[in-house]
Amino acid sequence: MNQLLDRKTPTAPARFTAKQGQYLAFIWAYTQINRRAPAEADFQRYFKVTAPSVHQMLKTLDQLGLIEKQPGVARSIQLLVAPHELPILGIDHPVIITATGH
């Protein structure tokens, strides 16, 4: 029997929370569409949150090493997470679809 197939590999711990993942996915999507990083006001409009909430989230993402920002420079957010590691934008929780007998 192949020992490599029998070995259970531990899953890597999540690098970010679901909410943080949505902010990261938004940065990626916004940048792909607009060819520039989002402003804090763009986050406010999309997530329907206050300016201090956006600022704190971006500060947290920066401290965690998930993004990089240049202080005092508008639209300077750089995503430091590979796109394939990001969740789908707009989906906070996994959707479970079950078949019904109808």
C-alpha atoms as a PDB file:
ATOM      1  CA  MET A   1       0.000   0.000   0.000  1.00  0.00           C
ATOM      2  CA  ASN A   2       1.251   3.501  -0.798  1.00  0.00           C
ATOM      3  CA  GLN A   3       2.224   5.223   2.448  1.00  0.00           C
ATOM      4  CA  LEU A   4       1.877   8.675   0.902  1.00  0.00           C
ATOM      5  CA  LEU A   5      -1.804   8.062   0.205  1.00  0.00           C
ATOM      6  CA  ASP A   6      -2.415   6.738   3.710  1.00  0.00           C
ATOM      7  CA  ARG A   7      -0.775   9.718   5.388  1.00  0.00           C
ATOM      8  CA  LYS A   8      -3.214  12.386   6.539  1.00  0.00           C
ATOM      9  CA  THR A   9      -1.881  15.827   5.807  1.00  0.00           C
ATOM     10  CA  PRO A  10      -2.912  18.550   8.210  1.00  0.00           C
ATOM     11  CA  THR A  11      -4.714  21.470   6.670  1.00  0.00           C
ATOM     12  CA  ALA A  12      -2.998  24.830   6.848  1.00  0.00           C
ATOM     13  CA  PRO A  13      -4.536  27.215   9.363  1.00  0.00           C
ATOM     14  CA  ALA A  14      -6.605  30.041   7.939  1.00  0.00           C
ATOM     15  CA  ARG A  15      -4.517  33.131   7.344  1.00  0.00           C
ATOM     16  CA  PHE A  16      -7.508  35.443   7.667  1.00  0.00           C
ATOM     17  CA  THR A  17     -11.092  35.552   8.897  1.00  0.00           C
ATOM     18  CA  ALA A  18     -14.118  35.403   6.590  1.00  0.00           C
ATOM     19  CA  LYS A  19     -14.617  39.177   6.848  1.00  0.00           C
ATOM     20  CA  GLN A  20     -10.939  39.865   6.209  1.00  0.00           C
ATOM     21  CA  GLY A  21     -11.143  37.522   3.214  1.00  0.00           C
ATOM     22  CA  GLN A  22     -14.012  39.569   1.787  1.00  0.00           C
ATOM     23  CA  TYR A  23     -11.972  42.758   2.064  1.00  0.00           C
ATOM     24  CA  LEU A  24      -9.020  41.042   0.380  1.00  0.00           C
ATOM     25  CA  ALA A  25     -11.263  39.679  -2.395  1.00  0.00           C
ATOM     26  CA  PHE A  26     -12.725  43.159  -2.869  1.00  0.00           C
ATOM     27  CA  ILE A  27      -9.231  44.646  -3.259  1.00  0.00           C
ATOM     28  CA  TRP A  28      -8.385  42.045  -5.905  1.00  0.00           C
ATOM     29  CA  ALA A  29     -11.670  42.407  -7.825  1.00  0.00           C
ATOM     30  CA  TYR A  30     -11.701  46.217  -7.693  1.00  0.00           C
ATOM     31  CA  THR A  31      -8.097  46.354  -8.910  1.00  0.00           C
ATOM     32  CA  GLN A  32      -8.817  43.951 -11.777  1.00  0.00           C
ATOM     33  CA  ILE A  33     -11.813  45.988 -12.944  1.00  0.00           C
ATOM     34  CA  ASN A  34     -10.507  49.527 -12.385  1.00  0.00           C
ATOM     35  CA  ARG A  35      -6.760  49.006 -12.847  1.00  0.00           C
ATOM     36  CA  ARG A  36      -6.101  50.852  -9.585  1.00  0.00           C
ATOM     37  CA  ALA A  37      -6.497  50.089  -5.907  1.00  0.00           C
ATOM     38  CA  PRO A  38      -9.726  51.008  -4.131  1.00  0.00           C
ATOM     39  CA  ALA A  39     -10.014  54.087  -1.929  1.00  0.00           C
ATOM     40  CA  GLU A  40     -11.384  53.751   1.596  1.00  0.00           C
ATOM     41  CA  ALA A  41     -14.654  55.315   0.358  1.00  0.00           C
ATOM     42  CA  ASP A  42     -15.023  52.428  -2.122  1.00  0.00           C
ATOM     43  CA  PHE A  43     -14.926  49.946   0.768  1.00  0.00           C
ATOM     44  CA  GLN A  44     -17.512  52.028   2.650  1.00  0.00           C
ATOM     45  CA  ARG A  45     -19.930  51.952  -0.281  1.00  0.00           C
ATOM     46  CA  TYR A  46     -19.507  48.255  -1.027  1.00  0.00           C
ATOM     47  CA  PHE A  47     -19.597  46.920   2.540  1.00  0.00           C
ATOM     48  CA  LYS A  48     -21.986  49.600   3.865  1.00  0.00           C
ATOM     49  CA  VAL A  49     -19.743  50.360   6.843  1.00  0.00           C
ATOM     50  CA  THR A  50     -18.327  53.494   8.439  1.00  0.00           C
ATOM     51  CA  ALA A  51     -15.022  55.147   7.603  1.00  0.00           C
ATOM     52  CA  PRO A  52     -13.457  54.147  10.959  1.00  0.00           C
ATOM     53  CA  SER A  53     -14.453  50.500  10.351  1.00  0.00           C
ATOM     54  CA  VAL A  54     -12.745  50.473   6.959  1.00  0.00           C
ATOM     55  CA  HIS A  55      -9.667  52.223   8.298  1.00  0.00           C
ATOM     56  CA  GLN A  56      -9.332  49.745  11.176  1.00  0.00           C
ATOM     57  CA  MET A  57      -9.770  46.736   8.872  1.00  0.00           C
ATOM     58  CA  LEU A  58      -7.111  48.001   6.449  1.00  0.00           C
ATOM     59  CA  LYS A  59      -4.789  48.706   9.372  1.00  0.00           C
ATOM     60  CA  THR A  60      -5.334  45.140  10.630  1.00  0.00           C
ATOM     61  CA  LEU A  61      -4.743  43.614   7.186  1.00  0.00           C
ATOM     62  CA  ASP A  62      -1.536  45.628   6.911  1.00  0.00           C
ATOM     63  CA  GLN A  63      -0.336  44.512  10.361  1.00  0.00           C
ATOM     64  CA  LEU A  64      -1.053  40.879   9.454  1.00  0.00           C
ATOM     65  CA  GLY A  65       1.071  41.212   6.317  1.00  0.00           C
ATOM     66  CA  LEU A  66      -1.860  40.561   3.982  1.00  0.00           C
ATOM     67  CA  ILE A  67      -1.689  43.962   2.297  1.00  0.00           C
ATOM     68  CA  GLU A  68       0.835  46.758   2.066  1.00  0.00           C
ATOM     69  CA  LYS A  69       0.000  50.458   2.125  1.00  0.00           C
ATOM     70  CA  GLN A  70       2.128  53.545   1.721  1.00  0.00           C
ATOM     71  CA  PRO A  71       1.198  56.042   4.441  1.00  0.00           C
ATOM     72  CA  GLY A  72      -0.195  59.282   3.047  1.00  0.00           C
ATOM     73  CA  VAL A  73      -0.457  57.933  -0.515  1.00  0.00           C
ATOM     74  CA  ALA A  74      -3.989  57.519  -1.897  1.00  0.00           C
ATOM     75  CA  ARG A  75      -4.937  54.192  -3.505  1.00  0.00           C
ATOM     76  CA  SER A  76      -1.617  52.599  -2.545  1.00  0.00           C
ATOM     77  CA  ILE A  77      -2.985  49.256  -1.310  1.00  0.00           C
ATOM     78  CA  GLN A  78      -1.059  46.262  -2.611  1.00  0.00           C
ATOM     79  CA  LEU A  79      -2.453  42.776  -2.093  1.00  0.00           C
ATOM     80  CA  LEU A  80       0.116  40.325  -0.703  1.00  0.00           C
ATOM     81  CA  VAL A  81      -2.109  37.240  -0.959  1.00  0.00           C
ATOM     82  CA  ALA A  82      -2.185  35.088  -4.087  1.00  0.00           C
ATOM     83  CA  PRO A  83      -5.548  35.319  -5.923  1.00  0.00           C
ATOM     84  CA  HIS A  84      -6.119  31.550  -5.680  1.00  0.00           C
ATOM     85  CA  GLU A  85      -6.087  31.848  -1.858  1.00  0.00           C
ATOM     86  CA  LEU A  86      -8.931  34.394  -1.831  1.00  0.00           C
ATOM     87  CA  PRO A  87     -12.584  33.566  -1.187  1.00  0.00           C
ATOM     88  CA  ILE A  88     -15.294  34.399  -3.691  1.00  0.00           C
ATOM     89  CA  LEU A  89     -16.384  37.985  -3.218  1.00  0.00           C
ATOM     90  CA  GLY A  90     -19.850  38.285  -1.728  1.00  0.00           C
ATOM     91  CA  ILE A  91     -19.925  34.858  -0.100  1.00  0.00           C
ATOM     92  CA  ASP A  92     -19.268  35.122   3.622  1.00  0.00           C
ATOM     93  CA  HIS A  93     -20.110  31.533   4.416  1.00  0.00           C
ATOM     94  CA  PRO A  94     -20.024  28.358   2.343  1.00  0.00           C
ATOM     95  CA  VAL A  95     -23.316  27.531   0.699  1.00  0.00           C
ATOM     96  CA  ILE A  96     -24.546  23.980   1.153  1.00  0.00           C
ATOM     97  CA  ILE A  97     -26.948  22.816  -1.526  1.00  0.00           C
ATOM     98  CA  THR A  98     -28.970  19.711  -0.837  1.00  0.00           C
ATOM     99  CA  ALA A  99     -31.288  17.817  -3.116  1.00  0.00           C
ATOM    100  CA  THR A 100     -34.919  17.686  -2.072  1.00  0.00           C
ATOM    101  CA  GLY A 101     -37.282  14.881  -2.871  1.00  0.00           C
ATOM    102  CA  HIS A 102     -39.853  17.175  -4.542  1.00  0.00           C
END
